[in-house]
Amino acid sequence: MSHLHLERWSDQQAALVLGIKRSTLAKWRCLGTPAGLPPLPYSKAGRRVFYTPADVEAFAAIYVVKHDGKGGAA
């Protein structure tokens, strides 16, 4: 029997790719993402939070278009 290995990123890795703080990801998990952005799927194992690279990269493509990096919409 073969085992399917899915790569997972920690919240720290996901935050680095998105260029945001880990606390921002935590806030989004609790309160939801900002208006106009889809939710960012995640999974938990105990207290640890994980994201798939595909989900983070798909979200990043949308986030970069909608966010100018200065706290405002592009």
C-alpha atoms as a PDB file:
ATOM      1  CA  MET A   1       0.000   0.000   0.000  1.00  0.00           C
ATOM      2  CA  SER A   2       1.433   3.372  -0.980  1.00  0.00           C
ATOM      3  CA  HIS A   3       1.147   6.428   1.230  1.00  0.00           C
ATOM      4  CA  LEU A   4       0.207   9.747  -0.281  1.00  0.00           C
ATOM      5  CA  HIS A   5       2.496  12.476   1.019  1.00  0.00           C
ATOM      6  CA  LEU A   6       1.085  15.959   0.895  1.00  0.00           C
ATOM      7  CA  GLU A   7       3.488  18.790   1.507  1.00  0.00           C
ATOM      8  CA  ARG A   8       2.345  21.141   4.238  1.00  0.00           C
ATOM      9  CA  TRP A   9       3.668  24.513   5.269  1.00  0.00           C
ATOM     10  CA  SER A  10       3.642  25.907   8.797  1.00  0.00           C
ATOM     11  CA  ASP A  11       1.968  29.226   9.488  1.00  0.00           C
ATOM     12  CA  GLN A  12       5.451  30.755   9.589  1.00  0.00           C
ATOM     13  CA  GLN A  13       6.254  29.495   6.079  1.00  0.00           C
ATOM     14  CA  ALA A  14       2.873  30.633   4.724  1.00  0.00           C
ATOM     15  CA  ALA A  15       3.274  34.084   6.285  1.00  0.00           C
ATOM     16  CA  LEU A  16       6.740  34.424   4.752  1.00  0.00           C
ATOM     17  CA  VAL A  17       5.442  33.595   1.270  1.00  0.00           C
ATOM     18  CA  LEU A  18       2.537  36.034   1.655  1.00  0.00           C
ATOM     19  CA  GLY A  19       4.730  38.762   3.137  1.00  0.00           C
ATOM     20  CA  ILE A  20       2.582  39.108   6.261  1.00  0.00           C
ATOM     21  CA  LYS A  21       2.971  38.382   9.965  1.00  0.00           C
ATOM     22  CA  ARG A  22       1.965  35.085  11.581  1.00  0.00           C
ATOM     23  CA  SER A  23      -0.400  37.093  13.756  1.00  0.00           C
ATOM     24  CA  THR A  24      -2.209  38.283  10.621  1.00  0.00           C
ATOM     25  CA  LEU A  25      -2.789  34.684   9.576  1.00  0.00           C
ATOM     26  CA  ALA A  26      -4.085  33.901  13.065  1.00  0.00           C
ATOM     27  CA  LYS A  27      -6.451  36.862  12.876  1.00  0.00           C
ATOM     28  CA  TRP A  28      -7.703  35.740   9.451  1.00  0.00           C
ATOM     29  CA  ARG A  29      -8.344  32.223  10.791  1.00  0.00           C
ATOM     30  CA  CYS A  30     -10.393  33.658  13.647  1.00  0.00           C
ATOM     31  CA  LEU A  31     -12.148  36.622  12.022  1.00  0.00           C
ATOM     32  CA  GLY A  32     -11.964  35.789   8.322  1.00  0.00           C
ATOM     33  CA  THR A  33      -9.925  37.337   5.540  1.00  0.00           C
ATOM     34  CA  PRO A  34     -10.439  40.965   4.511  1.00  0.00           C
ATOM     35  CA  ALA A  35     -13.367  41.814   2.249  1.00  0.00           C
ATOM     36  CA  GLY A  36     -12.827  40.786  -1.331  1.00  0.00           C
ATOM     37  CA  LEU A  37     -10.456  37.940  -0.482  1.00  0.00           C
ATOM     38  CA  PRO A  38     -11.443  34.281  -0.345  1.00  0.00           C
ATOM     39  CA  PRO A  39     -10.794  32.270   2.814  1.00  0.00           C
ATOM     40  CA  LEU A  40      -7.347  30.670   3.040  1.00  0.00           C
ATOM     41  CA  PRO A  41      -7.830  26.942   3.737  1.00  0.00           C
ATOM     42  CA  TYR A  42      -5.805  25.447   6.579  1.00  0.00           C
ATOM     43  CA  SER A  43      -5.654  22.302   8.688  1.00  0.00           C
ATOM     44  CA  LYS A  44      -4.701  21.708  12.290  1.00  0.00           C
ATOM     45  CA  ALA A  45      -2.866  18.936  14.081  1.00  0.00           C
ATOM     46  CA  GLY A  46      -3.211  19.671  17.759  1.00  0.00           C
ATOM     47  CA  ARG A  47      -2.184  23.300  18.182  1.00  0.00           C
ATOM     48  CA  ARG A  48      -0.128  23.420  14.993  1.00  0.00           C
ATOM     49  CA  VAL A  49      -1.589  25.004  11.872  1.00  0.00           C
ATOM     50  CA  PHE A  50      -0.699  23.936   8.335  1.00  0.00           C
ATOM     51  CA  TYR A  51      -1.337  25.211   4.832  1.00  0.00           C
ATOM     52  CA  THR A  52      -0.778  23.480   1.504  1.00  0.00           C
ATOM     53  CA  PRO A  53       1.642  25.231  -0.842  1.00  0.00           C
ATOM     54  CA  ALA A  54      -0.990  25.192  -3.622  1.00  0.00           C
ATOM     55  CA  ASP A  55      -3.545  26.976  -1.403  1.00  0.00           C
ATOM     56  CA  VAL A  56      -1.019  29.586  -0.260  1.00  0.00           C
ATOM     57  CA  GLU A  57       0.227  30.235  -3.791  1.00  0.00           C
ATOM     58  CA  ALA A  58      -3.327  30.544  -5.152  1.00  0.00           C
ATOM     59  CA  PHE A  59      -4.212  32.958  -2.348  1.00  0.00           C
ATOM     60  CA  ALA A  60      -0.985  34.912  -2.923  1.00  0.00           C
ATOM     61  CA  ALA A  61      -1.890  35.440  -6.579  1.00  0.00           C
ATOM     62  CA  ILE A  62      -5.170  37.085  -5.529  1.00  0.00           C
ATOM     63  CA  TYR A  63      -3.712  38.902  -2.501  1.00  0.00           C
ATOM     64  CA  VAL A  64      -0.946  40.559  -4.510  1.00  0.00           C
ATOM     65  CA  VAL A  65      -3.498  41.936  -6.998  1.00  0.00           C
ATOM     66  CA  LYS A  66      -5.858  43.252  -4.293  1.00  0.00           C
ATOM     67  CA  HIS A  67      -3.252  44.568  -1.825  1.00  0.00           C
ATOM     68  CA  ASP A  68      -0.659  47.247  -2.597  1.00  0.00           C
ATOM     69  CA  GLY A  69       1.622  46.311   0.309  1.00  0.00           C
ATOM     70  CA  LYS A  70       0.948  49.590   2.132  1.00  0.00           C
ATOM     71  CA  GLY A  71      -2.168  48.559   3.980  1.00  0.00           C
ATOM     72  CA  GLY A  72      -4.602  49.614   1.272  1.00  0.00           C
ATOM     73  CA  ALA A  73      -6.309  48.139  -1.722  1.00  0.00           C
ATOM     74  CA  ALA A  74      -4.500  48.306  -5.013  1.00  0.00           C
END
